[in-house]
mmCIF file of all heavy atoms, coordinates in Angstrom:
data_MODEL
# 
_entry.id   MODEL 
# 
loop_
_atom_site.group_PDB 
_atom_site.id 
_atom_site.type_symbol 
_atom_site.label_atom_id 
_atom_site.label_alt_id 
_atom_site.label_comp_id 
_atom_site.label_asym_id 
_atom_site.label_entity_id 
_atom_site.label_seq_id 
_atom_site.pdbx_PDB_ins_code 
_atom_site.Cartn_x 
_atom_site.Cartn_y 
_atom_site.Cartn_z 
_atom_site.occupancy 
_atom_site.B_iso_or_equiv 
_atom_site.pdbx_formal_charge 
_atom_site.auth_seq_id 
_atom_site.auth_comp_id 
_atom_site.auth_asym_id 
_atom_site.auth_atom_id 
_atom_site.pdbx_PDB_model_num 
ATOM 1   N N   . ALA A 1 1  ? 109.917 119.262 71.213  1.00 0.00 ? 1  ALA A N   1 
ATOM 2   C CA  . ALA A 1 1  ? 108.595 118.919 71.774  1.00 0.00 ? 1  ALA A CA  1 
ATOM 3   C C   . ALA A 1 1  ? 108.540 117.435 72.121  1.00 0.00 ? 1  ALA A C   1 
ATOM 4   O O   . ALA A 1 1  ? 107.971 117.055 73.154  1.00 0.00 ? 1  ALA A O   1 
ATOM 5   C CB  . ALA A 1 1  ? 107.497 119.279 70.774  1.00 0.00 ? 1  ALA A CB  1 
ATOM 6   N N   . ALA A 1 2  ? 109.141 116.585 71.273  1.00 0.00 ? 2  ALA A N   1 
ATOM 7   C CA  . ALA A 1 2  ? 109.195 115.152 71.582  1.00 0.00 ? 2  ALA A CA  1 
ATOM 8   C C   . ALA A 1 2  ? 110.021 114.920 72.844  1.00 0.00 ? 2  ALA A C   1 
ATOM 9   O O   . ALA A 1 2  ? 109.664 114.088 73.711  1.00 0.00 ? 2  ALA A O   1 
ATOM 10  C CB  . ALA A 1 2  ? 109.789 114.387 70.405  1.00 0.00 ? 2  ALA A CB  1 
ATOM 11  N N   . LEU A 1 3  ? 111.152 115.652 72.976  1.00 0.00 ? 3  LEU A N   1 
ATOM 12  C CA  . LEU A 1 3  ? 111.965 115.549 74.186  1.00 0.00 ? 3  LEU A CA  1 
ATOM 13  C C   . LEU A 1 3  ? 111.171 116.005 75.413  1.00 0.00 ? 3  LEU A C   1 
ATOM 14  O O   . LEU A 1 3  ? 111.246 115.390 76.483  1.00 0.00 ? 3  LEU A O   1 
ATOM 15  C CB  . LEU A 1 3  ? 113.232 116.381 74.030  1.00 0.00 ? 3  LEU A CB  1 
ATOM 16  C CG  . LEU A 1 3  ? 114.162 116.417 75.251  1.00 0.00 ? 3  LEU A CG  1 
ATOM 17  C CD1 . LEU A 1 3  ? 114.693 115.018 75.556  1.00 0.00 ? 3  LEU A CD1 1 
ATOM 18  C CD2 . LEU A 1 3  ? 115.313 117.393 75.027  1.00 0.00 ? 3  LEU A CD2 1 
ATOM 19  N N   . TYR A 1 4  ? 110.389 117.083 75.248  1.00 0.00 ? 4  TYR A N   1 
ATOM 20  C CA  . TYR A 1 4  ? 109.529 117.571 76.339  1.00 0.00 ? 4  TYR A CA  1 
ATOM 21  C C   . TYR A 1 4  ? 108.579 116.470 76.810  1.00 0.00 ? 4  TYR A C   1 
ATOM 22  O O   . TYR A 1 4  ? 108.414 116.248 78.015  1.00 0.00 ? 4  TYR A O   1 
ATOM 23  C CB  . TYR A 1 4  ? 108.738 118.786 75.854  1.00 0.00 ? 4  TYR A CB  1 
ATOM 24  C CG  . TYR A 1 4  ? 107.539 119.133 76.722  1.00 0.00 ? 4  TYR A CG  1 
ATOM 25  C CD1 . TYR A 1 4  ? 107.687 119.920 77.864  1.00 0.00 ? 4  TYR A CD1 1 
ATOM 26  C CD2 . TYR A 1 4  ? 106.275 118.662 76.393  1.00 0.00 ? 4  TYR A CD2 1 
ATOM 27  C CE1 . TYR A 1 4  ? 106.599 120.223 78.654  1.00 0.00 ? 4  TYR A CE1 1 
ATOM 28  C CE2 . TYR A 1 4  ? 105.176 118.951 77.196  1.00 0.00 ? 4  TYR A CE2 1 
ATOM 29  C CZ  . TYR A 1 4  ? 105.335 119.736 78.319  1.00 0.00 ? 4  TYR A CZ  1 
ATOM 30  O OH  . TYR A 1 4  ? 104.240 120.027 79.119  1.00 0.00 ? 4  TYR A OH  1 
ATOM 31  N N   . ALA A 1 5  ? 107.964 115.763 75.854  1.00 0.00 ? 5  ALA A N   1 
ATOM 32  C CA  . ALA A 1 5  ? 107.016 114.692 76.205  1.00 0.00 ? 5  ALA A CA  1 
ATOM 33  C C   . ALA A 1 5  ? 107.711 113.567 76.963  1.00 0.00 ? 5  ALA A C   1 
ATOM 34  O O   . ALA A 1 5  ? 107.186 113.042 77.953  1.00 0.00 ? 5  ALA A O   1 
ATOM 35  C CB  . ALA A 1 5  ? 106.353 114.155 74.935  1.00 0.00 ? 5  ALA A CB  1 
ATOM 36  N N   . VAL A 1 6  ? 108.939 113.214 76.515  1.00 0.00 ? 6  VAL A N   1 
ATOM 37  C CA  . VAL A 1 6  ? 109.683 112.135 77.188  1.00 0.00 ? 6  VAL A CA  1 
ATOM 38  C C   . VAL A 1 6  ? 110.078 112.548 78.603  1.00 0.00 ? 6  VAL A C   1 
ATOM 39  O O   . VAL A 1 6  ? 109.942 111.768 79.561  1.00 0.00 ? 6  VAL A O   1 
ATOM 40  C CB  . VAL A 1 6  ? 110.931 111.752 76.364  1.00 0.00 ? 6  VAL A CB  1 
ATOM 41  C CG1 . VAL A 1 6  ? 111.814 110.774 77.142  1.00 0.00 ? 6  VAL A CG1 1 
ATOM 42  C CG2 . VAL A 1 6  ? 110.524 111.147 75.021  1.00 0.00 ? 6  VAL A CG2 1 
ATOM 43  N N   . VAL A 1 7  ? 110.603 113.768 78.734  1.00 0.00 ? 7  VAL A N   1 
ATOM 44  C CA  . VAL A 1 7  ? 110.976 114.267 80.063  1.00 0.00 ? 7  VAL A CA  1 
ATOM 45  C C   . VAL A 1 7  ? 109.751 114.334 80.973  1.00 0.00 ? 7  VAL A C   1 
ATOM 46  O O   . VAL A 1 7  ? 109.798 113.942 82.148  1.00 0.00 ? 7  VAL A O   1 
ATOM 47  C CB  . VAL A 1 7  ? 111.640 115.659 79.955  1.00 0.00 ? 7  VAL A CB  1 
ATOM 48  C CG1 . VAL A 1 7  ? 111.842 116.276 81.337  1.00 0.00 ? 7  VAL A CG1 1 
ATOM 49  C CG2 . VAL A 1 7  ? 112.969 115.551 79.226  1.00 0.00 ? 7  VAL A CG2 1 
ATOM 50  N N   . ASN A 1 8  ? 108.640 114.795 80.427  1.00 0.00 ? 8  ASN A N   1 
ATOM 51  C CA  . ASN A 1 8  ? 107.396 114.907 81.204  1.00 0.00 ? 8  ASN A CA  1 
ATOM 52  C C   . ASN A 1 8  ? 106.976 113.551 81.748  1.00 0.00 ? 8  ASN A C   1 
ATOM 53  O O   . ASN A 1 8  ? 106.713 113.404 82.950  1.00 0.00 ? 8  ASN A O   1 
ATOM 54  C CB  . ASN A 1 8  ? 106.311 115.498 80.290  1.00 0.00 ? 8  ASN A CB  1 
ATOM 55  C CG  . ASN A 1 8  ? 105.036 115.819 81.044  1.00 0.00 ? 8  ASN A CG  1 
ATOM 56  O OD1 . ASN A 1 8  ? 104.330 114.933 81.493  1.00 0.00 ? 8  ASN A OD1 1 
ATOM 57  N ND2 . ASN A 1 8  ? 104.729 117.112 81.161  1.00 0.00 ? 8  ASN A ND2 1 
ATOM 58  N N   . TYR A 1 9  ? 106.938 112.558 80.870  1.00 0.00 ? 9  TYR A N   1 
ATOM 59  C CA  . TYR A 1 9  ? 106.493 111.230 81.309  1.00 0.00 ? 9  TYR A CA  1 
ATOM 60  C C   . TYR A 1 9  ? 107.502 110.575 82.254  1.00 0.00 ? 9  TYR A C   1 
ATOM 61  O O   . TYR A 1 9  ? 107.121 109.985 83.282  1.00 0.00 ? 9  TYR A O   1 
ATOM 62  C CB  . TYR A 1 9  ? 106.258 110.320 80.103  1.00 0.00 ? 9  TYR A CB  1 
ATOM 63  C CG  . TYR A 1 9  ? 105.798 108.934 80.499  1.00 0.00 ? 9  TYR A CG  1 
ATOM 64  C CD1 . TYR A 1 9  ? 104.495 108.711 80.955  1.00 0.00 ? 9  TYR A CD1 1 
ATOM 65  C CD2 . TYR A 1 9  ? 106.667 107.851 80.465  1.00 0.00 ? 9  TYR A CD2 1 
ATOM 66  C CE1 . TYR A 1 9  ? 104.076 107.461 81.336  1.00 0.00 ? 9  TYR A CE1 1 
ATOM 67  C CE2 . TYR A 1 9  ? 106.254 106.585 80.847  1.00 0.00 ? 9  TYR A CE2 1 
ATOM 68  C CZ  . TYR A 1 9  ? 104.957 106.396 81.288  1.00 0.00 ? 9  TYR A CZ  1 
ATOM 69  O OH  . TYR A 1 9  ? 104.547 105.154 81.681  1.00 0.00 ? 9  TYR A OH  1 
ATOM 70  N N   . SER A 1 10 ? 108.791 110.690 81.923  1.00 0.00 ? 10 SER A N   1 
ATOM 71  C CA  . SER A 1 10 ? 109.828 110.056 82.753  1.00 0.00 ? 10 SER A CA  1 
ATOM 72  C C   . SER A 1 10 ? 109.837 110.638 84.158  1.00 0.00 ? 10 SER A C   1 
ATOM 73  O O   . SER A 1 10 ? 109.913 109.901 85.161  1.00 0.00 ? 10 SER A O   1 
ATOM 74  C CB  . SER A 1 10 ? 111.200 110.220 82.107  1.00 0.00 ? 10 SER A CB  1 
ATOM 75  O OG  . SER A 1 10 ? 111.220 109.647 80.820  1.00 0.00 ? 10 SER A OG  1 
ATOM 76  N N   . LEU A 1 11 ? 109.763 111.948 84.254  1.00 0.00 ? 11 LEU A N   1 
ATOM 77  C CA  . LEU A 1 11 ? 109.753 112.596 85.567  1.00 0.00 ? 11 LEU A CA  1 
ATOM 78  C C   . LEU A 1 11 ? 108.507 112.200 86.361  1.00 0.00 ? 11 LEU A C   1 
ATOM 79  O O   . LEU A 1 11 ? 108.574 111.989 87.583  1.00 0.00 ? 11 LEU A O   1 
ATOM 80  C CB  . LEU A 1 11 ? 109.818 114.110 85.398  1.00 0.00 ? 11 LEU A CB  1 
ATOM 81  C CG  . LEU A 1 11 ? 109.938 114.933 86.686  1.00 0.00 ? 11 LEU A CG  1 
ATOM 82  C CD1 . LEU A 1 11 ? 111.184 114.537 87.477  1.00 0.00 ? 11 LEU A CD1 1 
ATOM 83  C CD2 . LEU A 1 11 ? 109.956 116.426 86.375  1.00 0.00 ? 11 LEU A CD2 1 
ATOM 84  N N   . ASN A 1 12 ? 107.382 112.075 85.656  1.00 0.00 ? 12 ASN A N   1 
ATOM 85  C CA  . ASN A 1 12 ? 106.149 111.632 86.297  1.00 0.00 ? 12 ASN A CA  1 
ATOM 86  C C   . ASN A 1 12 ? 106.338 110.263 86.946  1.00 0.00 ? 12 ASN A C   1 
ATOM 87  O O   . ASN A 1 12 ? 105.937 110.033 88.099  1.00 0.00 ? 12 ASN A O   1 
ATOM 88  C CB  . ASN A 1 12 ? 105.030 111.595 85.244  1.00 0.00 ? 12 ASN A CB  1 
ATOM 89  C CG  . ASN A 1 12 ? 103.694 111.149 85.818  1.00 0.00 ? 12 ASN A CG  1 
ATOM 90  O OD1 . ASN A 1 12 ? 103.455 109.970 85.976  1.00 0.00 ? 12 ASN A OD1 1 
ATOM 91  N ND2 . ASN A 1 12 ? 102.834 112.115 86.088  1.00 0.00 ? 12 ASN A ND2 1 
ATOM 92  N N   . GLN A 1 13 ? 106.976 109.328 86.226  1.00 0.00 ? 13 GLN A N   1 
ATOM 93  C CA  . GLN A 1 13 ? 107.190 107.977 86.754  1.00 0.00 ? 13 GLN A CA  1 
ATOM 94  C C   . GLN A 1 13 ? 108.192 107.970 87.909  1.00 0.00 ? 13 GLN A C   1 
ATOM 95  O O   . GLN A 1 13 ? 108.035 107.209 88.867  1.00 0.00 ? 13 GLN A O   1 
ATOM 96  C CB  . GLN A 1 13 ? 107.669 107.047 85.642  1.00 0.00 ? 13 GLN A CB  1 
ATOM 97  C CG  . GLN A 1 13 ? 106.698 106.906 84.476  1.00 0.00 ? 13 GLN A CG  1 
ATOM 98  C CD  . GLN A 1 13 ? 105.318 106.470 84.938  1.00 0.00 ? 13 GLN A CD  1 
ATOM 99  O OE1 . GLN A 1 13 ? 105.180 105.565 85.756  1.00 0.00 ? 13 GLN A OE1 1 
ATOM 100 N NE2 . GLN A 1 13 ? 104.278 107.122 84.415  1.00 0.00 ? 13 GLN A NE2 1 
ATOM 101 N N   . VAL A 1 14 ? 109.205 108.823 87.819  1.00 0.00 ? 14 VAL A N   1 
ATOM 102 C CA  . VAL A 1 14 ? 110.190 108.905 88.911  1.00 0.00 ? 14 VAL A CA  1 
ATOM 103 C C   . VAL A 1 14 ? 109.517 109.381 90.199  1.00 0.00 ? 14 VAL A C   1 
ATOM 104 O O   . VAL A 1 14 ? 109.754 108.834 91.290  1.00 0.00 ? 14 VAL A O   1 
ATOM 105 C CB  . VAL A 1 14 ? 111.353 109.851 88.516  1.00 0.00 ? 14 VAL A CB  1 
ATOM 106 C CG1 . VAL A 1 14 ? 112.226 110.157 89.730  1.00 0.00 ? 14 VAL A CG1 1 
ATOM 107 C CG2 . VAL A 1 14 ? 112.184 109.223 87.416  1.00 0.00 ? 14 VAL A CG2 1 
ATOM 108 N N   . ILE A 1 15 ? 108.691 110.404 90.095  1.00 0.00 ? 15 ILE A N   1 
ATOM 109 C CA  . ILE A 1 15 ? 108.013 110.928 91.291  1.00 0.00 ? 15 ILE A CA  1 
ATOM 110 C C   . ILE A 1 15 ? 107.035 109.898 91.857  1.00 0.00 ? 15 ILE A C   1 
ATOM 111 O O   . ILE A 1 15 ? 106.933 109.722 93.070  1.00 0.00 ? 15 ILE A O   1 
ATOM 112 C CB  . ILE A 1 15 ? 107.298 112.255 90.958  1.00 0.00 ? 15 ILE A CB  1 
ATOM 113 C CG1 . ILE A 1 15 ? 108.328 113.327 90.592  1.00 0.00 ? 15 ILE A CG1 1 
ATOM 114 C CG2 . ILE A 1 15 ? 106.464 112.723 92.149  1.00 0.00 ? 15 ILE A CG2 1 
ATOM 115 C CD1 . ILE A 1 15 ? 107.717 114.648 90.156  1.00 0.00 ? 15 ILE A CD1 1 
ATOM 116 N N   . ILE A 1 16 ? 106.314 109.196 90.970  1.00 0.00 ? 16 ILE A N   1 
ATOM 117 C CA  . ILE A 1 16 ? 105.398 108.142 91.444  1.00 0.00 ? 16 ILE A CA  1 
ATOM 118 C C   . ILE A 1 16 ? 106.171 107.072 92.195  1.00 0.00 ? 16 ILE A C   1 
ATOM 119 O O   . ILE A 1 16 ? 105.762 106.614 93.272  1.00 0.00 ? 16 ILE A O   1 
ATOM 120 C CB  . ILE A 1 16 ? 104.622 107.528 90.262  1.00 0.00 ? 16 ILE A CB  1 
ATOM 121 C CG1 . ILE A 1 16 ? 103.623 108.529 89.689  1.00 0.00 ? 16 ILE A CG1 1 
ATOM 122 C CG2 . ILE A 1 16 ? 103.883 106.263 90.713  1.00 0.00 ? 16 ILE A CG2 1 
ATOM 123 C CD1 . ILE A 1 16 ? 102.899 108.028 88.462  1.00 0.00 ? 16 ILE A CD1 1 
ATOM 124 N N   . SER A 1 17 ? 107.304 106.674 91.646  1.00 0.00 ? 17 SER A N   1 
ATOM 125 C CA  . SER A 1 17 ? 108.141 105.668 92.308  1.00 0.00 ? 17 SER A CA  1 
ATOM 126 C C   . SER A 1 17 ? 108.603 106.169 93.670  1.00 0.00 ? 17 SER A C   1 
ATOM 127 O O   . SER A 1 17 ? 108.599 105.421 94.665  1.00 0.00 ? 17 SER A O   1 
ATOM 128 C CB  . SER A 1 17 ? 109.342 105.334 91.424  1.00 0.00 ? 17 SER A CB  1 
ATOM 129 O OG  . SER A 1 17 ? 110.165 104.377 92.045  1.00 0.00 ? 17 SER A OG  1 
ATOM 130 N N   . PHE A 1 18 ? 108.988 107.444 93.738  1.00 0.00 ? 18 PHE A N   1 
ATOM 131 C CA  . PHE A 1 18 ? 109.405 108.042 95.011  1.00 0.00 ? 18 PHE A CA  1 
ATOM 132 C C   . PHE A 1 18 ? 108.255 107.998 96.029  1.00 0.00 ? 18 PHE A C   1 
ATOM 133 O O   . PHE A 1 18 ? 108.451 107.642 97.197  1.00 0.00 ? 18 PHE A O   1 
ATOM 134 C CB  . PHE A 1 18 ? 109.847 109.486 94.776  1.00 0.00 ? 18 PHE A CB  1 
ATOM 135 C CG  . PHE A 1 18 ? 110.176 110.241 96.035  1.00 0.00 ? 18 PHE A CG  1 
ATOM 136 C CD1 . PHE A 1 18 ? 111.431 110.156 96.607  1.00 0.00 ? 18 PHE A CD1 1 
ATOM 137 C CD2 . PHE A 1 18 ? 109.214 111.042 96.646  1.00 0.00 ? 18 PHE A CD2 1 
ATOM 138 C CE1 . PHE A 1 18 ? 111.734 110.839 97.780  1.00 0.00 ? 18 PHE A CE1 1 
ATOM 139 C CE2 . PHE A 1 18 ? 109.498 111.731 97.817  1.00 0.00 ? 18 PHE A CE2 1 
ATOM 140 C CZ  . PHE A 1 18 ? 110.764 111.635 98.383  1.00 0.00 ? 18 PHE A CZ  1 
ATOM 141 N N   . TYR A 1 19 ? 107.071 108.352 95.587  1.00 0.00 ? 19 TYR A N   1 
ATOM 142 C CA  . TYR A 1 19 ? 105.894 108.318 96.475  1.00 0.00 ? 19 TYR A CA  1 
ATOM 143 C C   . TYR A 1 19 ? 105.665 106.910 97.035  1.00 0.00 ? 19 TYR A C   1 
ATOM 144 O O   . TYR A 1 19 ? 105.412 106.736 98.233  1.00 0.00 ? 19 TYR A O   1 
ATOM 145 C CB  . TYR A 1 19 ? 104.644 108.766 95.714  1.00 0.00 ? 19 TYR A CB  1 
ATOM 146 C CG  . TYR A 1 19 ? 104.531 110.261 95.496  1.00 0.00 ? 19 TYR A CG  1 
ATOM 147 C CD1 . TYR A 1 19 ? 103.491 110.787 94.718  1.00 0.00 ? 19 TYR A CD1 1 
ATOM 148 C CD2 . TYR A 1 19 ? 105.436 111.159 96.057  1.00 0.00 ? 19 TYR A CD2 1 
ATOM 149 C CE1 . TYR A 1 19 ? 103.365 112.158 94.504  1.00 0.00 ? 19 TYR A CE1 1 
ATOM 150 C CE2 . TYR A 1 19 ? 105.318 112.528 95.844  1.00 0.00 ? 19 TYR A CE2 1 
ATOM 151 C CZ  . TYR A 1 19 ? 104.288 113.017 95.072  1.00 0.00 ? 19 TYR A CZ  1 
ATOM 152 O OH  . TYR A 1 19 ? 104.156 114.369 94.873  1.00 0.00 ? 19 TYR A OH  1 
ATOM 153 N N   . LEU A 1 20 ? 105.735 105.920 96.152  1.00 0.00 ? 20 LEU A N   1 
ATOM 154 C CA  . LEU A 1 20 ? 105.453 104.551 96.569  1.00 0.00 ? 20 LEU A CA  1 
ATOM 155 C C   . LEU A 1 20 ? 106.440 104.061 97.626  1.00 0.00 ? 20 LEU A C   1 
ATOM 156 O O   . LEU A 1 20 ? 106.064 103.437 98.620  1.00 0.00 ? 20 LEU A O   1 
ATOM 157 C CB  . LEU A 1 20 ? 105.474 103.606 95.368  1.00 0.00 ? 20 LEU A CB  1 
ATOM 158 C CG  . LEU A 1 20 ? 104.291 103.716 94.395  1.00 0.00 ? 20 LEU A CG  1 
ATOM 159 C CD1 . LEU A 1 20 ? 104.523 102.848 93.172  1.00 0.00 ? 20 LEU A CD1 1 
ATOM 160 C CD2 . LEU A 1 20 ? 102.994 103.318 95.088  1.00 0.00 ? 20 LEU A CD2 1 
ATOM 161 N N   . TYR A 1 21 ? 107.704 104.364 97.413  1.00 0.00 ? 21 TYR A N   1 
ATOM 162 C CA  . TYR A 1 21 ? 108.743 103.845 98.314  1.00 0.00 ? 21 TYR A CA  1 
ATOM 163 C C   . TYR A 1 21 ? 108.838 104.631 99.625  1.00 0.00 ? 21 TYR A C   1 
ATOM 164 O O   . TYR A 1 21 ? 109.060 104.040 100.689 1.00 0.00 ? 21 TYR A O   1 
ATOM 165 C CB  . TYR A 1 21 ? 110.106 103.835 97.617  1.00 0.00 ? 21 TYR A CB  1 
ATOM 166 C CG  . TYR A 1 21 ? 110.263 102.722 96.611  1.00 0.00 ? 21 TYR A CG  1 
ATOM 167 C CD1 . TYR A 1 21 ? 110.336 102.994 95.249  1.00 0.00 ? 21 TYR A CD1 1 
ATOM 168 C CD2 . TYR A 1 21 ? 110.320 101.387 97.004  1.00 0.00 ? 21 TYR A CD2 1 
ATOM 169 C CE1 . TYR A 1 21 ? 110.466 101.976 94.311  1.00 0.00 ? 21 TYR A CE1 1 
ATOM 170 C CE2 . TYR A 1 21 ? 110.459 100.364 96.084  1.00 0.00 ? 21 TYR A CE2 1 
ATOM 171 C CZ  . TYR A 1 21 ? 110.526 100.659 94.747  1.00 0.00 ? 21 TYR A CZ  1 
ATOM 172 O OH  . TYR A 1 21 ? 110.647 99.650  93.823  1.00 0.00 ? 21 TYR A OH  1 
ATOM 173 N N   . PHE A 1 22 ? 108.697 105.950 99.554  1.00 0.00 ? 22 PHE A N   1 
ATOM 174 C CA  . PHE A 1 22 ? 108.980 106.771 100.729 1.00 0.00 ? 22 PHE A CA  1 
ATOM 175 C C   . PHE A 1 22 ? 107.729 107.278 101.454 1.00 0.00 ? 22 PHE A C   1 
ATOM 176 O O   . PHE A 1 22 ? 107.815 107.631 102.629 1.00 0.00 ? 22 PHE A O   1 
ATOM 177 C CB  . PHE A 1 22 ? 109.857 107.957 100.346 1.00 0.00 ? 22 PHE A CB  1 
ATOM 178 C CG  . PHE A 1 22 ? 111.232 107.555 99.902  1.00 0.00 ? 22 PHE A CG  1 
ATOM 179 C CD1 . PHE A 1 22 ? 111.547 107.474 98.554  1.00 0.00 ? 22 PHE A CD1 1 
ATOM 180 C CD2 . PHE A 1 22 ? 112.199 107.236 100.831 1.00 0.00 ? 22 PHE A CD2 1 
ATOM 181 C CE1 . PHE A 1 22 ? 112.810 107.098 98.133  1.00 0.00 ? 22 PHE A CE1 1 
ATOM 182 C CE2 . PHE A 1 22 ? 113.471 106.858 100.428 1.00 0.00 ? 22 PHE A CE2 1 
ATOM 183 C CZ  . PHE A 1 22 ? 113.773 106.787 99.072  1.00 0.00 ? 22 PHE A CZ  1 
ATOM 184 N N   . ILE A 1 23 ? 106.602 107.345 100.770 1.00 0.00 ? 23 ILE A N   1 
ATOM 185 C CA  . ILE A 1 23 ? 105.362 107.794 101.428 1.00 0.00 ? 23 ILE A CA  1 
ATOM 186 C C   . ILE A 1 23 ? 104.452 106.608 101.739 1.00 0.00 ? 23 ILE A C   1 
ATOM 187 O O   . ILE A 1 23 ? 103.987 106.456 102.860 1.00 0.00 ? 23 ILE A O   1 
ATOM 188 C CB  . ILE A 1 23 ? 104.634 108.835 100.551 1.00 0.00 ? 23 ILE A CB  1 
ATOM 189 C CG1 . ILE A 1 23 ? 105.493 110.093 100.435 1.00 0.00 ? 23 ILE A CG1 1 
ATOM 190 C CG2 . ILE A 1 23 ? 103.261 109.176 101.153 1.00 0.00 ? 23 ILE A CG2 1 
ATOM 191 C CD1 . ILE A 1 23 ? 104.878 111.189 99.569  1.00 0.00 ? 23 ILE A CD1 1 
ATOM 192 N N   . TYR A 1 24 ? 104.237 105.740 100.732 1.00 0.00 ? 24 TYR A N   1 
ATOM 193 C CA  . TYR A 1 24 ? 103.376 104.576 100.949 1.00 0.00 ? 24 TYR A CA  1 
ATOM 194 C C   . TYR A 1 24 ? 104.128 103.386 101.534 1.00 0.00 ? 24 TYR A C   1 
ATOM 195 O O   . TYR A 1 24 ? 103.505 102.386 101.908 1.00 0.00 ? 24 TYR A O   1 
ATOM 196 C CB  . TYR A 1 24 ? 102.718 104.154 99.638  1.00 0.00 ? 24 TYR A CB  1 
ATOM 197 C CG  . TYR A 1 24 ? 101.674 105.126 99.138  1.00 0.00 ? 24 TYR A CG  1 
ATOM 198 C CD1 . TYR A 1 24 ? 101.975 106.066 98.162  1.00 0.00 ? 24 TYR A CD1 1 
ATOM 199 C CD2 . TYR A 1 24 ? 100.381 105.109 99.650  1.00 0.00 ? 24 TYR A CD2 1 
ATOM 200 C CE1 . TYR A 1 24 ? 101.023 106.955 97.702  1.00 0.00 ? 24 TYR A CE1 1 
ATOM 201 C CE2 . TYR A 1 24 ? 99.419  105.993 99.201  1.00 0.00 ? 24 TYR A CE2 1 
ATOM 202 C CZ  . TYR A 1 24 ? 99.743  106.916 98.222  1.00 0.00 ? 24 TYR A CZ  1 
ATOM 203 O OH  . TYR A 1 24 ? 98.788  107.789 97.768  1.00 0.00 ? 24 TYR A OH  1 
ATOM 204 N N   . LYS A 1 25 ? 105.463 103.470 101.571 1.00 0.00 ? 25 LYS A N   1 
ATOM 205 C CA  . LYS A 1 25 ? 106.315 102.408 102.133 1.00 0.00 ? 25 LYS A CA  1 
ATOM 206 C C   . LYS A 1 25 ? 106.085 101.075 101.431 1.00 0.00 ? 25 LYS A C   1 
ATOM 207 O O   . LYS A 1 25 ? 106.116 100.003 102.053 1.00 0.00 ? 25 LYS A O   1 
ATOM 208 C CB  . LYS A 1 25 ? 106.061 102.240 103.639 1.00 0.00 ? 25 LYS A CB  1 
ATOM 209 C CG  . LYS A 1 25 ? 106.152 103.517 104.460 1.00 0.00 ? 25 LYS A CG  1 
ATOM 210 C CD  . LYS A 1 25 ? 107.532 104.120 104.424 1.00 0.00 ? 25 LYS A CD  1 
ATOM 211 C CE  . LYS A 1 25 ? 107.612 105.369 105.318 1.00 0.00 ? 25 LYS A CE  1 
ATOM 212 N NZ  . LYS A 1 25 ? 108.930 106.004 105.237 1.00 0.00 ? 25 LYS A NZ  1 
ATOM 213 N N   . SER A 1 26 ? 105.839 101.104 100.139 1.00 0.00 ? 26 SER A N   1 
ATOM 214 C CA  . SER A 1 26 ? 105.597 99.880  99.388  1.00 0.00 ? 26 SER A CA  1 
ATOM 215 C C   . SER A 1 26 ? 106.913 99.173  99.097  1.00 0.00 ? 26 SER A C   1 
ATOM 216 O O   . SER A 1 26 ? 107.901 99.791  98.720  1.00 0.00 ? 26 SER A O   1 
ATOM 217 C CB  . SER A 1 26 ? 104.877 100.207 98.073  1.00 0.00 ? 26 SER A CB  1 
ATOM 218 O OG  . SER A 1 26 ? 104.759 99.044  97.276  1.00 0.00 ? 26 SER A OG  1 
ATOM 219 N N   . LYS A 1 27 ? 106.903 97.834  99.278  1.00 0.00 ? 27 LYS A N   1 
ATOM 220 C CA  . LYS A 1 27 ? 108.100 97.032  99.011  1.00 0.00 ? 27 LYS A CA  1 
ATOM 221 C C   . LYS A 1 27 ? 108.021 96.329  97.655  1.00 0.00 ? 27 LYS A C   1 
ATOM 222 O O   . LYS A 1 27 ? 108.976 95.674  97.247  1.00 0.00 ? 27 LYS A O   1 
ATOM 223 C CB  . LYS A 1 27 ? 108.284 95.985  100.116 1.00 0.00 ? 27 LYS A CB  1 
ATOM 224 C CG  . LYS A 1 27 ? 108.419 96.584  101.517 1.00 0.00 ? 27 LYS A CG  1 
ATOM 225 C CD  . LYS A 1 27 ? 109.605 97.528  101.632 1.00 0.00 ? 27 LYS A CD  1 
ATOM 226 C CE  . LYS A 1 27 ? 109.736 98.107  103.038 1.00 0.00 ? 27 LYS A CE  1 
ATOM 227 N NZ  . LYS A 1 27 ? 110.844 99.056  103.139 1.00 0.00 ? 27 LYS A NZ  1 
ATOM 228 N N   . GLU A 1 28 ? 106.867 96.437  96.994  1.00 0.00 ? 28 GLU A N   1 
ATOM 229 C CA  . GLU A 1 28 ? 106.702 95.769  95.711  1.00 0.00 ? 28 GLU A CA  1 
ATOM 230 C C   . GLU A 1 28 ? 107.440 96.536  94.615  1.00 0.00 ? 28 GLU A C   1 
ATOM 231 O O   . GLU A 1 28 ? 107.585 97.758  94.666  1.00 0.00 ? 28 GLU A O   1 
ATOM 232 C CB  . GLU A 1 28 ? 105.221 95.650  95.361  1.00 0.00 ? 28 GLU A CB  1 
ATOM 233 C CG  . GLU A 1 28 ? 104.432 94.817  96.350  1.00 0.00 ? 28 GLU A CG  1 
ATOM 234 C CD  . GLU A 1 28 ? 102.974 94.723  95.969  1.00 0.00 ? 28 GLU A CD  1 
ATOM 235 O OE1 . GLU A 1 28 ? 102.615 95.227  94.881  1.00 0.00 ? 28 GLU A OE1 1 
ATOM 236 O OE2 . GLU A 1 28 ? 102.198 94.149  96.747  1.00 0.00 ? 28 GLU A OE2 1 
ATOM 237 N N   . SER A 1 29 ? 107.869 95.805  93.600  1.00 0.00 ? 29 SER A N   1 
ATOM 238 C CA  . SER A 1 29 ? 108.562 96.432  92.475  1.00 0.00 ? 29 SER A CA  1 
ATOM 239 C C   . SER A 1 29 ? 107.584 97.299  91.687  1.00 0.00 ? 29 SER A C   1 
ATOM 240 O O   . SER A 1 29 ? 106.493 96.849  91.310  1.00 0.00 ? 29 SER A O   1 
ATOM 241 C CB  . SER A 1 29 ? 109.157 95.352  91.567  1.00 0.00 ? 29 SER A CB  1 
ATOM 242 O OG  . SER A 1 29 ? 109.714 95.950  90.406  1.00 0.00 ? 29 SER A OG  1 
# 
């Protein structure tokens, strides 16, 4: 369950990062 929580949060951040770079075209870190 702890691993599930980590995977859940990590994947959430990866997708957000993908959105920022490829959809919003953001250049900020």
